[in-house]
Amino acid sequence: MKKLYKITFLSQGKSIELHAQHVASSSLWGFTEVGELVFDPPGEGLVVDPTEERLREEFKDTTMLHVPIQAIVRIEEVARRGPLAIRDATSGEKVMPFPLMPPRPTSR
């Protein structure tokens, strides 16, 4: 059975959590390679996780992710896969996965 890792890293002002089966030092100096990303199969279960769908779409063509070592917050070896998250890097609050509605026009 392959090991499973939970990787938390910073990217564009957000803290992103992904699961992968491969984590190693990259051949690119100063980077860690993250590969074999793990997502639930699409359409599994009754509830669709919008965060997972967003990350699946963002990394759909990624075979190997090279993350700068200074962007990595933590790497955990885990027994099972948990929910994925995208958080604001400063506040730690979960980022709303849906686009925000435009503000309502105010009447003057």
PDB file of N, CA and C in Angstrom:
ATOM      1  N   MET A   1       0.833  -1.179   0.000  1.00  0.00           N
ATOM      2  CA  MET A   1       0.000   0.000   0.000  1.00  0.00           C
ATOM      3  C   MET A   1       0.883   1.250   0.000  1.00  0.00           C
ATOM      4  N   LYS A   2       0.551   2.197  -0.883  1.00  0.00           N
ATOM      5  CA  LYS A   2       1.335   3.427  -0.992  1.00  0.00           C
ATOM      6  C   LYS A   2       1.070   4.334   0.192  1.00  0.00           C
ATOM      7  N   LYS A   3       2.088   5.101   0.549  1.00  0.00           N
ATOM      8  CA  LYS A   3       1.929   6.093   1.606  1.00  0.00           C
ATOM      9  C   LYS A   3       1.066   7.231   1.089  1.00  0.00           C
ATOM     10  N   LEU A   4       0.393   7.910   2.010  1.00  0.00           N
ATOM     11  CA  LEU A   4      -0.450   9.042   1.669  1.00  0.00           C
ATOM     12  C   LEU A   4       0.020  10.243   2.471  1.00  0.00           C
ATOM     13  N   TYR A   5       0.198  11.369   1.779  1.00  0.00           N
ATOM     14  CA  TYR A   5       0.681  12.592   2.403  1.00  0.00           C
ATOM     15  C   TYR A   5      -0.345  13.701   2.262  1.00  0.00           C
ATOM     16  N   LYS A   6      -0.426  14.526   3.285  1.00  0.00           N
ATOM     17  CA  LYS A   6      -1.221  15.759   3.233  1.00  0.00           C
ATOM     18  C   LYS A   6      -0.212  16.898   3.206  1.00  0.00           C
ATOM     19  N   ILE A   7      -0.246  17.682   2.122  1.00  0.00           N
ATOM     20  CA  ILE A   7       0.715  18.760   1.919  1.00  0.00           C
ATOM     21  C   ILE A   7      -0.024  20.086   2.044  1.00  0.00           C
ATOM     22  N   THR A   8       0.480  20.963   2.891  1.00  0.00           N
ATOM     23  CA  THR A   8      -0.070  22.310   3.045  1.00  0.00           C
ATOM     24  C   THR A   8       0.999  23.279   2.574  1.00  0.00           C
ATOM     25  N   PHE A   9       0.638  24.125   1.592  1.00  0.00           N
ATOM     26  CA  PHE A   9       1.613  25.080   1.068  1.00  0.00           C
ATOM     27  C   PHE A   9       0.921  26.397   0.724  1.00  0.00           C
ATOM     28  N   LEU A  10       1.718  27.447   0.619  1.00  0.00           N
ATOM     29  CA  LEU A  10       1.216  28.782   0.300  1.00  0.00           C
ATOM     30  C   LEU A  10       1.337  29.033  -1.188  1.00  0.00           C
ATOM     31  N   SER A  11       0.275  29.626  -1.770  1.00  0.00           N
ATOM     32  CA  SER A  11       0.282  29.965  -3.187  1.00  0.00           C
ATOM     33  C   SER A  11      -0.657  31.135  -3.425  1.00  0.00           C
ATOM     34  N   GLN A  12      -0.135  32.218  -3.942  1.00  0.00           N
ATOM     35  CA  GLN A  12      -0.918  33.400  -4.319  1.00  0.00           C
ATOM     36  C   GLN A  12      -1.828  33.877  -3.195  1.00  0.00           C
ATOM     37  N   GLY A  13      -1.262  34.008  -1.984  1.00  0.00           N
ATOM     38  CA  GLY A  13      -2.007  34.525  -0.847  1.00  0.00           C
ATOM     39  C   GLY A  13      -2.960  33.540  -0.209  1.00  0.00           C
ATOM     40  N   LYS A  14      -2.881  32.271  -0.614  1.00  0.00           N
ATOM     41  CA  LYS A  14      -3.765  31.250  -0.057  1.00  0.00           C
ATOM     42  C   LYS A  14      -2.933  30.088   0.478  1.00  0.00           C
ATOM     43  N   SER A  15      -3.481  29.409   1.468  1.00  0.00           N
ATOM     44  CA  SER A  15      -2.900  28.185   1.989  1.00  0.00           C
ATOM     45  C   SER A  15      -3.719  27.041   1.400  1.00  0.00           C
ATOM     46  N   ILE A  16      -3.063  26.152   0.690  1.00  0.00           N
ATOM     47  CA  ILE A  16      -3.742  25.059  -0.020  1.00  0.00           C
ATOM     48  C   ILE A  16      -3.337  23.731   0.600  1.00  0.00           C
ATOM     49  N   GLU A  17      -4.336  22.862   0.817  1.00  0.00           N
ATOM     50  CA  GLU A  17      -4.091  21.513   1.328  1.00  0.00           C
ATOM     51  C   GLU A  17      -4.440  20.513   0.239  1.00  0.00           C
ATOM     52  N   LEU A  18      -3.486  19.653  -0.097  1.00  0.00           N
ATOM     53  CA  LEU A  18      -3.683  18.595  -1.090  1.00  0.00           C
ATOM     54  C   LEU A  18      -3.230  17.270  -0.504  1.00  0.00           C
ATOM     55  N   HIS A  19      -3.703  16.189  -1.085  1.00  0.00           N
ATOM     56  CA  HIS A  19      -3.220  14.856  -0.736  1.00  0.00           C
ATOM     57  C   HIS A  19      -2.476  14.285  -1.937  1.00  0.00           C
ATOM     58  N   ALA A  20      -1.383  13.591  -1.661  1.00  0.00           N
ATOM     59  CA  ALA A  20      -0.575  13.008  -2.729  1.00  0.00           C
ATOM     60  C   ALA A  20       0.070  11.721  -2.230  1.00  0.00           C
ATOM     61  N   GLN A  21       0.466  10.880  -3.178  1.00  0.00           N
ATOM     62  CA  GLN A  21       1.146   9.636  -2.826  1.00  0.00           C
ATOM     63  C   GLN A  21       2.651   9.730  -3.038  1.00  0.00           C
ATOM     64  N   HIS A  22       3.109  10.858  -3.573  1.00  0.00           N
ATOM     65  CA  HIS A  22       4.543  11.016  -3.817  1.00  0.00           C
ATOM     66  C   HIS A  22       4.991  12.402  -3.352  1.00  0.00           C
ATOM     67  N   VAL A  23       5.974  12.436  -2.462  1.00  0.00           N
ATOM     68  CA  VAL A  23       6.613  13.674  -2.023  1.00  0.00           C
ATOM     69  C   VAL A  23       8.107  13.380  -1.924  1.00  0.00           C
ATOM     70  N   ALA A  24       8.925  14.238  -2.547  1.00  0.00           N
ATOM     71  CA  ALA A  24      10.376  14.028  -2.521  1.00  0.00           C
ATOM     72  C   ALA A  24      11.084  15.336  -2.825  1.00  0.00           C
ATOM     73  N   SER A  25      12.378  15.365  -2.578  1.00  0.00           N
ATOM     74  CA  SER A  25      13.185  16.513  -2.987  1.00  0.00           C
ATOM     75  C   SER A  25      13.198  16.557  -4.504  1.00  0.00           C
ATOM     76  N   SER A  26      13.015  17.730  -5.044  1.00  0.00           N
ATOM     77  CA  SER A  26      12.972  17.887  -6.496  1.00  0.00           C
ATOM     78  C   SER A  26      14.381  17.967  -7.065  1.00  0.00           C
ATOM     79  N   SER A  27      14.513  17.616  -8.326  1.00  0.00           N
ATOM     80  CA  SER A  27      15.794  17.815  -9.005  1.00  0.00           C
ATOM     81  C   SER A  27      16.016  19.295  -9.297  1.00  0.00           C
ATOM     82  N   LEU A  28      14.949  20.089  -9.177  1.00  0.00           N
ATOM     83  CA  LEU A  28      15.065  21.542  -9.276  1.00  0.00           C
ATOM     84  C   LEU A  28      15.476  22.059  -7.904  1.00  0.00           C
ATOM     85  N   TRP A  29      16.618  22.713  -7.810  1.00  0.00           N
ATOM     86  CA  TRP A  29      17.149  23.157  -6.528  1.00  0.00           C
ATOM     87  C   TRP A  29      16.162  24.077  -5.807  1.00  0.00           C
ATOM     88  N   GLY A  30      15.898  23.785  -4.522  1.00  0.00           N
ATOM     89  CA  GLY A  30      15.030  24.627  -3.710  1.00  0.00           C
ATOM     90  C   GLY A  30      13.549  24.288  -3.810  1.00  0.00           C
ATOM     91  N   PHE A  31      13.215  23.174  -4.442  1.00  0.00           N
ATOM     92  CA  PHE A  31      11.820  22.793  -4.610  1.00  0.00           C
ATOM     93  C   PHE A  31      11.575  21.395  -4.035  1.00  0.00           C
ATOM     94  N   THR A  32      10.324  21.129  -3.684  1.00  0.00           N
ATOM     95  CA  THR A  32       9.873  19.795  -3.285  1.00  0.00           C
ATOM     96  C   THR A  32       8.878  19.344  -4.337  1.00  0.00           C
ATOM     97  N   GLU A  33       9.025  18.110  -4.805  1.00  0.00           N
ATOM     98  CA  GLU A  33       8.089  17.621  -5.803  1.00  0.00           C
ATOM     99  C   GLU A  33       6.948  16.862  -5.133  1.00  0.00           C
ATOM    100  N   VAL A  34       5.759  17.138  -5.639  1.00  0.00           N
ATOM    101  CA  VAL A  34       4.540  16.516  -5.133  1.00  0.00           C
ATOM    102  C   VAL A  34       3.840  15.903  -6.342  1.00  0.00           C
ATOM    103  N   GLY A  35       3.630  14.601  -6.319  1.00  0.00           N
ATOM    104  CA  GLY A  35       3.017  13.927  -7.455  1.00  0.00           C
ATOM    105  C   GLY A  35       1.972  12.931  -7.018  1.00  0.00           C
ATOM    106  N   GLU A  36       1.297  12.367  -8.010  1.00  0.00           N
ATOM    107  CA  GLU A  36       0.222  11.413  -7.780  1.00  0.00           C
ATOM    108  C   GLU A  36      -0.814  12.007  -6.831  1.00  0.00           C
ATOM    109  N   LEU A  37      -1.332  13.175  -7.227  1.00  0.00           N
ATOM    110  CA  LEU A  37      -2.343  13.854  -6.421  1.00  0.00           C
ATOM    111  C   LEU A  37      -3.564  12.959  -6.271  1.00  0.00           C
ATOM    112  N   VAL A  38      -4.187  12.989  -5.104  1.00  0.00           N
ATOM    113  CA  VAL A  38      -5.313  12.110  -4.794  1.00  0.00           C
ATOM    114  C   VAL A  38      -6.564  12.957  -4.590  1.00  0.00           C
ATOM    115  N   PHE A  39      -7.588  12.661  -5.395  1.00  0.00           N
ATOM    116  CA  PHE A  39      -8.902  13.285  -5.283  1.00  0.00           C
ATOM    117  C   PHE A  39      -9.934  12.171  -5.251  1.00  0.00           C
ATOM    118  N   ASP A  40     -11.116  12.466  -4.685  1.00  0.00           N
ATOM    119  CA  ASP A  40     -12.214  11.513  -4.794  1.00  0.00           C
ATOM    120  C   ASP A  40     -12.583  11.389  -6.260  1.00  0.00           C
ATOM    121  N   PRO A  41     -12.981  10.202  -6.707  1.00  0.00           N
ATOM    122  CA  PRO A  41     -13.437  10.090  -8.100  1.00  0.00           C
ATOM    123  C   PRO A  41     -14.617  11.032  -8.334  1.00  0.00           C
ATOM    124  N   PRO A  42     -14.676  11.708  -9.490  1.00  0.00           N
ATOM    125  CA  PRO A  42     -15.791  12.627  -9.743  1.00  0.00           C
ATOM    126  C   PRO A  42     -17.126  11.899  -9.701  1.00  0.00           C
ATOM    127  N   GLY A  43     -18.104  12.545  -9.099  1.00  0.00           N
ATOM    128  CA  GLY A  43     -19.436  11.980  -9.045  1.00  0.00           C
ATOM    129  C   GLY A  43     -19.649  10.967  -7.942  1.00  0.00           C
ATOM    130  N   GLU A  44     -18.627  10.699  -7.120  1.00  0.00           N
ATOM    131  CA  GLU A  44     -18.778   9.757  -6.010  1.00  0.00           C
ATOM    132  C   GLU A  44     -19.496  10.457  -4.862  1.00  0.00           C
ATOM    133  N   GLY A  45     -20.412   9.777  -4.249  1.00  0.00           N
ATOM    134  CA  GLY A  45     -21.100  10.325  -3.089  1.00  0.00           C
ATOM    135  C   GLY A  45     -22.242  11.251  -3.491  1.00  0.00           C
ATOM    136  N   LEU A  46     -23.039  11.611  -2.513  1.00  0.00           N
ATOM    137  CA  LEU A  46     -24.207  12.441  -2.762  1.00  0.00           C
ATOM    138  C   LEU A  46     -23.893  13.928  -2.740  1.00  0.00           C
ATOM    139  N   VAL A  47     -22.876  14.318  -1.965  1.00  0.00           N
ATOM    140  CA  VAL A  47     -22.554  15.728  -1.813  1.00  0.00           C
ATOM    141  C   VAL A  47     -21.281  16.043  -2.583  1.00  0.00           C
ATOM    142  N   VAL A  48     -21.322  17.099  -3.377  1.00  0.00           N
ATOM    143  CA  VAL A  48     -20.151  17.530  -4.130  1.00  0.00           C
ATOM    144  C   VAL A  48     -19.417  18.578  -3.305  1.00  0.00           C
ATOM    145  N   ASP A  49     -18.131  18.355  -3.083  1.00  0.00           N
ATOM    146  CA  ASP A  49     -17.313  19.309  -2.336  1.00  0.00           C
ATOM    147  C   ASP A  49     -16.776  20.340  -3.320  1.00  0.00           C
ATOM    148  N   PRO A  50     -17.240  21.602  -3.254  1.00  0.00           N
ATOM    149  CA  PRO A  50     -16.806  22.606  -4.217  1.00  0.00           C
ATOM    150  C   PRO A  50     -15.312  22.911  -4.138  1.00  0.00           C
ATOM    151  N   THR A  51     -14.729  22.794  -2.944  1.00  0.00           N
ATOM    152  CA  THR A  51     -13.287  23.032  -2.812  1.00  0.00           C
ATOM    153  C   THR A  51     -12.515  21.966  -3.569  1.00  0.00           C
ATOM    154  N   GLU A  52     -12.918  20.720  -3.401  1.00  0.00           N
ATOM    155  CA  GLU A  52     -12.245  19.623  -4.102  1.00  0.00           C
ATOM    156  C   GLU A  52     -12.408  19.764  -5.606  1.00  0.00           C
ATOM    157  N   GLU A  53     -13.598  20.135  -6.053  1.00  0.00           N
ATOM    158  CA  GLU A  53     -13.836  20.324  -7.489  1.00  0.00           C
ATOM    159  C   GLU A  53     -12.937  21.432  -8.040  1.00  0.00           C
ATOM    160  N   ARG A  54     -12.801  22.509  -7.290  1.00  0.00           N
ATOM    161  CA  ARG A  54     -11.956  23.628  -7.725  1.00  0.00           C
ATOM    162  C   ARG A  54     -10.493  23.194  -7.833  1.00  0.00           C
ATOM    163  N   LEU A  55     -10.000  22.460  -6.825  1.00  0.00           N
ATOM    164  CA  LEU A  55      -8.615  21.996  -6.854  1.00  0.00           C
ATOM    165  C   LEU A  55      -8.406  20.941  -7.937  1.00  0.00           C
ATOM    166  N   ARG A  56      -9.380  20.050  -8.122  1.00  0.00           N
ATOM    167  CA  ARG A  56      -9.282  19.035  -9.183  1.00  0.00           C
ATOM    168  C   ARG A  56      -9.155  19.718 -10.547  1.00  0.00           C
ATOM    169  N   GLU A  57      -9.959  20.764 -10.764  1.00  0.00           N
ATOM    170  CA  GLU A  57      -9.918  21.500 -12.030  1.00  0.00           C
ATOM    171  C   GLU A  57      -8.581  22.232 -12.196  1.00  0.00           C
ATOM    172  N   GLU A  58      -8.106  22.858 -11.131  1.00  0.00           N
ATOM    173  CA  GLU A  58      -6.847  23.607 -11.206  1.00  0.00           C
ATOM    174  C   GLU A  58      -5.660  22.705 -11.505  1.00  0.00           C
ATOM    175  N   PHE A  59      -5.643  21.498 -10.939  1.00  0.00           N
ATOM    176  CA  PHE A  59      -4.495  20.602 -11.080  1.00  0.00           C
ATOM    177  C   PHE A  59      -4.779  19.408 -11.999  1.00  0.00           C
ATOM    178  N   LYS A  60      -5.800  19.507 -12.863  1.00  0.00           N
ATOM    179  CA  LYS A  60      -6.219  18.367 -13.682  1.00  0.00           C
ATOM    180  C   LYS A  60      -5.134  17.859 -14.627  1.00  0.00           C
ATOM    181  N   ASP A  61      -4.289  18.720 -15.148  1.00  0.00           N
ATOM    182  CA  ASP A  61      -3.245  18.305 -16.088  1.00  0.00           C
ATOM    183  C   ASP A  61      -1.868  18.225 -15.438  1.00  0.00           C
ATOM    184  N   THR A  62      -1.810  18.305 -14.118  1.00  0.00           N
ATOM    185  CA  THR A  62      -0.535  18.316 -13.399  1.00  0.00           C
ATOM    186  C   THR A  62      -0.062  16.894 -13.141  1.00  0.00           C
ATOM    187  N   THR A  63       1.132  16.570 -13.655  1.00  0.00           N
ATOM    188  CA  THR A  63       1.707  15.260 -13.368  1.00  0.00           C
ATOM    189  C   THR A  63       2.666  15.344 -12.182  1.00  0.00           C
ATOM    190  N   MET A  64       3.347  16.494 -12.037  1.00  0.00           N
ATOM    191  CA  MET A  64       4.252  16.691 -10.910  1.00  0.00           C
ATOM    192  C   MET A  64       4.214  18.170 -10.548  1.00  0.00           C
ATOM    193  N   LEU A  65       3.982  18.437  -9.286  1.00  0.00           N
ATOM    194  CA  LEU A  65       3.938  19.805  -8.779  1.00  0.00           C
ATOM    195  C   LEU A  65       5.263  20.075  -8.081  1.00  0.00           C
ATOM    196  N   HIS A  66       5.956  21.149  -8.466  1.00  0.00           N
ATOM    197  CA  HIS A  66       7.212  21.523  -7.822  1.00  0.00           C
ATOM    198  C   HIS A  66       6.936  22.758  -6.980  1.00  0.00           C
ATOM    199  N   VAL A  67       6.961  22.584  -5.660  1.00  0.00           N
ATOM    200  CA  VAL A  67       6.611  23.644  -4.723  1.00  0.00           C
ATOM    201  C   VAL A  67       7.896  24.185  -4.102  1.00  0.00           C
ATOM    202  N   PRO A  68       8.095  25.520  -4.116  1.00  0.00           N
ATOM    203  CA  PRO A  68       9.283  26.084  -3.458  1.00  0.00           C
ATOM    204  C   PRO A  68       9.293  25.697  -1.976  1.00  0.00           C
ATOM    205  N   ILE A  69      10.459  25.311  -1.463  1.00  0.00           N
ATOM    206  CA  ILE A  69      10.511  24.826  -0.075  1.00  0.00           C
ATOM    207  C   ILE A  69      10.062  25.893   0.915  1.00  0.00           C
ATOM    208  N   GLN A  70      10.270  27.163   0.608  1.00  0.00           N
ATOM    209  CA  GLN A  70       9.847  28.210   1.545  1.00  0.00           C
ATOM    210  C   GLN A  70       8.330  28.401   1.552  1.00  0.00           C
ATOM    211  N   ALA A  71       7.607  27.825   0.568  1.00  0.00           N
ATOM    212  CA  ALA A  71       6.150  27.932   0.523  1.00  0.00           C
ATOM    213  C   ALA A  71       5.469  26.794   1.286  1.00  0.00           C
ATOM    214  N   ILE A  72       6.223  25.755   1.633  1.00  0.00           N
ATOM    215  CA  ILE A  72       5.626  24.603   2.313  1.00  0.00           C
ATOM    216  C   ILE A  72       5.428  24.922   3.790  1.00  0.00           C
ATOM    217  N   VAL A  73       4.205  24.722   4.252  1.00  0.00           N
ATOM    218  CA  VAL A  73       3.880  24.925   5.660  1.00  0.00           C
ATOM    219  C   VAL A  73       4.109  23.632   6.428  1.00  0.00           C
ATOM    220  N   ARG A  74       3.600  22.517   5.884  1.00  0.00           N
ATOM    221  CA  ARG A  74       3.817  21.223   6.526  1.00  0.00           C
ATOM    222  C   ARG A  74       3.519  20.097   5.556  1.00  0.00           C
ATOM    223  N   ILE A  75       4.139  18.961   5.830  1.00  0.00           N
ATOM    224  CA  ILE A  75       3.874  17.718   5.099  1.00  0.00           C
ATOM    225  C   ILE A  75       3.608  16.662   6.157  1.00  0.00           C
ATOM    226  N   GLU A  76       2.443  16.033   6.068  1.00  0.00           N
ATOM    227  CA  GLU A  76       2.063  15.010   7.040  1.00  0.00           C
ATOM    228  C   GLU A  76       1.861  13.674   6.324  1.00  0.00           C
ATOM    229  N   GLU A  77       2.335  12.617   6.915  1.00  0.00           N
ATOM    230  CA  GLU A  77       1.997  11.286   6.422  1.00  0.00           C
ATOM    231  C   GLU A  77       0.730  10.893   7.171  1.00  0.00           C
ATOM    232  N   VAL A  78      -0.344  10.599   6.438  1.00  0.00           N
ATOM    233  CA  VAL A  78      -1.644  10.344   7.062  1.00  0.00           C
ATOM    234  C   VAL A  78      -2.131   8.934   6.745  1.00  0.00           C
ATOM    235  N   ALA A  79      -3.021   8.438   7.589  1.00  0.00           N
ATOM    236  CA  ALA A  79      -3.564   7.090   7.404  1.00  0.00           C
ATOM    237  C   ALA A  79      -4.683   7.076   6.375  1.00  0.00           C
ATOM    238  N   ARG A  80      -5.455   8.173   6.314  1.00  0.00           N
ATOM    239  CA  ARG A  80      -6.554   8.241   5.349  1.00  0.00           C
ATOM    240  C   ARG A  80      -6.755   9.673   4.904  1.00  0.00           C
ATOM    241  N   ARG A  81      -7.424   9.798   3.801  1.00  0.00           N
ATOM    242  CA  ARG A  81      -7.658  11.089   3.175  1.00  0.00           C
ATOM    243  C   ARG A  81      -8.765  11.837   3.885  1.00  0.00           C
ATOM    244  N   GLY A  82      -8.569  13.115   4.118  1.00  0.00           N
ATOM    245  CA  GLY A  82      -9.582  13.969   4.723  1.00  0.00           C
ATOM    246  C   GLY A  82     -10.016  15.024   3.721  1.00  0.00           C
ATOM    247  N   PRO A  83     -10.830  15.969   4.167  1.00  0.00           N
ATOM    248  CA  PRO A  83     -11.285  17.027   3.257  1.00  0.00           C
ATOM    249  C   PRO A  83     -10.139  17.948   2.863  1.00  0.00           C
ATOM    250  N   LEU A  84     -10.206  18.481   1.664  1.00  0.00           N
ATOM    251  CA  LEU A  84      -9.215  19.434   1.179  1.00  0.00           C
ATOM    252  C   LEU A  84      -9.649  20.835   1.590  1.00  0.00           C
ATOM    253  N   ALA A  85      -8.710  21.774   1.583  1.00  0.00           N
ATOM    254  CA  ALA A  85      -9.062  23.134   1.993  1.00  0.00           C
ATOM    255  C   ALA A  85      -8.243  24.152   1.229  1.00  0.00           C
ATOM    256  N   ILE A  86      -8.861  25.309   1.025  1.00  0.00           N
ATOM    257  CA  ILE A  86      -8.172  26.492   0.530  1.00  0.00           C
ATOM    258  C   ILE A  86      -8.466  27.566   1.571  1.00  0.00           C
ATOM    259  N   ARG A  87      -7.420  28.124   2.157  1.00  0.00           N
ATOM    260  CA  ARG A  87      -7.594  29.126   3.213  1.00  0.00           C
ATOM    261  C   ARG A  87      -6.838  30.399   2.860  1.00  0.00           C
ATOM    262  N   ASP A  88      -7.299  31.498   3.422  1.00  0.00           N
ATOM    263  CA  ASP A  88      -6.561  32.746   3.301  1.00  0.00           C
ATOM    264  C   ASP A  88      -5.273  32.566   4.099  1.00  0.00           C
ATOM    265  N   ALA A  89      -4.128  32.879   3.498  1.00  0.00           N
ATOM    266  CA  ALA A  89      -2.841  32.633   4.139  1.00  0.00           C
ATOM    267  C   ALA A  89      -2.649  33.476   5.396  1.00  0.00           C
ATOM    268  N   THR A  90      -3.240  34.658   5.451  1.00  0.00           N
ATOM    269  CA  THR A  90      -3.058  35.539   6.601  1.00  0.00           C
ATOM    270  C   THR A  90      -4.004  35.196   7.743  1.00  0.00           C
ATOM    271  N   SER A  91      -5.294  35.108   7.437  1.00  0.00           N
ATOM    272  CA  SER A  91      -6.292  34.916   8.491  1.00  0.00           C
ATOM    273  C   SER A  91      -6.526  33.444   8.827  1.00  0.00           C
ATOM    274  N   GLY A  92      -6.260  32.542   7.888  1.00  0.00           N
ATOM    275  CA  GLY A  92      -6.534  31.130   8.097  1.00  0.00           C
ATOM    276  C   GLY A  92      -7.982  30.755   7.834  1.00  0.00           C
ATOM    277  N   GLU A  93      -8.805  31.749   7.457  1.00  0.00           N
ATOM    278  CA  GLU A  93     -10.209  31.490   7.164  1.00  0.00           C
ATOM    279  C   GLU A  93     -10.336  30.749   5.840  1.00  0.00           C
ATOM    280  N   LYS A  94     -11.309  29.835   5.764  1.00  0.00           N
ATOM    281  CA  LYS A  94     -11.545  29.134   4.506  1.00  0.00           C
ATOM    282  C   LYS A  94     -11.980  30.122   3.445  1.00  0.00           C
ATOM    283  N   VAL A  95     -11.459  29.936   2.245  1.00  0.00           N
ATOM    284  CA  VAL A  95     -11.798  30.786   1.112  1.00  0.00           C
ATOM    285  C   VAL A  95     -13.089  30.275   0.511  1.00  0.00           C
ATOM    286  N   MET A  96     -14.002  31.191   0.217  1.00  0.00           N
ATOM    287  CA  MET A  96     -15.293  30.821  -0.377  1.00  0.00           C
ATOM    288  C   MET A  96     -15.037  30.250  -1.766  1.00  0.00           C
ATOM    289  N   PRO A  97     -15.399  28.979  -2.016  1.00  0.00           N
ATOM    290  CA  PRO A  97     -15.112  28.380  -3.307  1.00  0.00           C
ATOM    291  C   PRO A  97     -16.010  28.874  -4.431  1.00  0.00           C
ATOM    292  N   PHE A  98     -17.144  29.468  -4.092  1.00  0.00           N
ATOM    293  CA  PHE A  98     -18.045  29.955  -5.119  1.00  0.00           C
ATOM    294  C   PHE A  98     -17.741  31.417  -5.415  1.00  0.00           C
ATOM    295  N   PRO A  99     -17.956  31.869  -6.654  1.00  0.00           N
ATOM    296  CA  PRO A  99     -17.749  33.285  -6.931  1.00  0.00           C
ATOM    297  C   PRO A  99     -18.749  34.115  -6.132  1.00  0.00           C
ATOM    298  N   LEU A 100     -18.270  35.233  -5.632  1.00  0.00           N
ATOM    299  CA  LEU A 100     -19.149  36.107  -4.867  1.00  0.00           C
ATOM    300  C   LEU A 100     -20.113  36.815  -5.796  1.00  0.00           C
ATOM    301  N   MET A 101     -21.298  37.039  -5.304  1.00  0.00           N
ATOM    302  CA  MET A 101     -22.301  37.754  -6.088  1.00  0.00           C
ATOM    303  C   MET A 101     -21.937  39.232  -6.112  1.00  0.00           C
ATOM    304  N   PRO A 102     -22.183  39.910  -7.233  1.00  0.00           N
ATOM    305  CA  PRO A 102     -21.888  41.341  -7.276  1.00  0.00           C
ATOM    306  C   PRO A 102     -22.781  42.073  -6.277  1.00  0.00           C
ATOM    307  N   PRO A 103     -22.291  43.180  -5.719  1.00  0.00           N
ATOM    308  CA  PRO A 103     -23.095  43.905  -4.755  1.00  0.00           C
ATOM    309  C   PRO A 103     -24.357  44.445  -5.403  1.00  0.00           C
ATOM    310  N   ARG A 104     -25.409  44.492  -4.636  1.00  0.00           N
ATOM    311  CA  ARG A 104     -26.674  45.026  -5.145  1.00  0.00           C
ATOM    312  C   ARG A 104     -26.548  46.521  -5.342  1.00  0.00           C
ATOM    313  N   PRO A 105     -27.123  47.021  -6.411  1.00  0.00           N
ATOM    314  CA  PRO A 105     -27.073  48.470  -6.610  1.00  0.00           C
ATOM    315  C   PRO A 105     -27.900  49.164  -5.516  1.00  0.00           C
ATOM    316  N   THR A 106     -27.370  50.247  -5.043  1.00  0.00           N
ATOM    317  CA  THR A 106     -28.097  50.994  -4.026  1.00  0.00           C
ATOM    318  C   THR A 106     -28.902  52.079  -4.696  1.00  0.00           C
ATOM    319  N   SER A 107     -30.089  52.280  -4.188  1.00  0.00           N
ATOM    320  CA  SER A 107     -30.925  53.343  -4.761  1.00  0.00           C
ATOM    321  C   SER A 107     -30.598  54.659  -4.101  1.00  0.00           C
ATOM    322  N   ARG A 108     -30.532  55.675  -4.888  1.00  0.00           N
ATOM    323  CA  ARG A 108     -30.195  57.002  -4.341  1.00  0.00           C
ATOM    324  C   ARG A 108     -31.313  57.943  -4.532  1.00  0.00           C
TER     325      ARG A 108
END
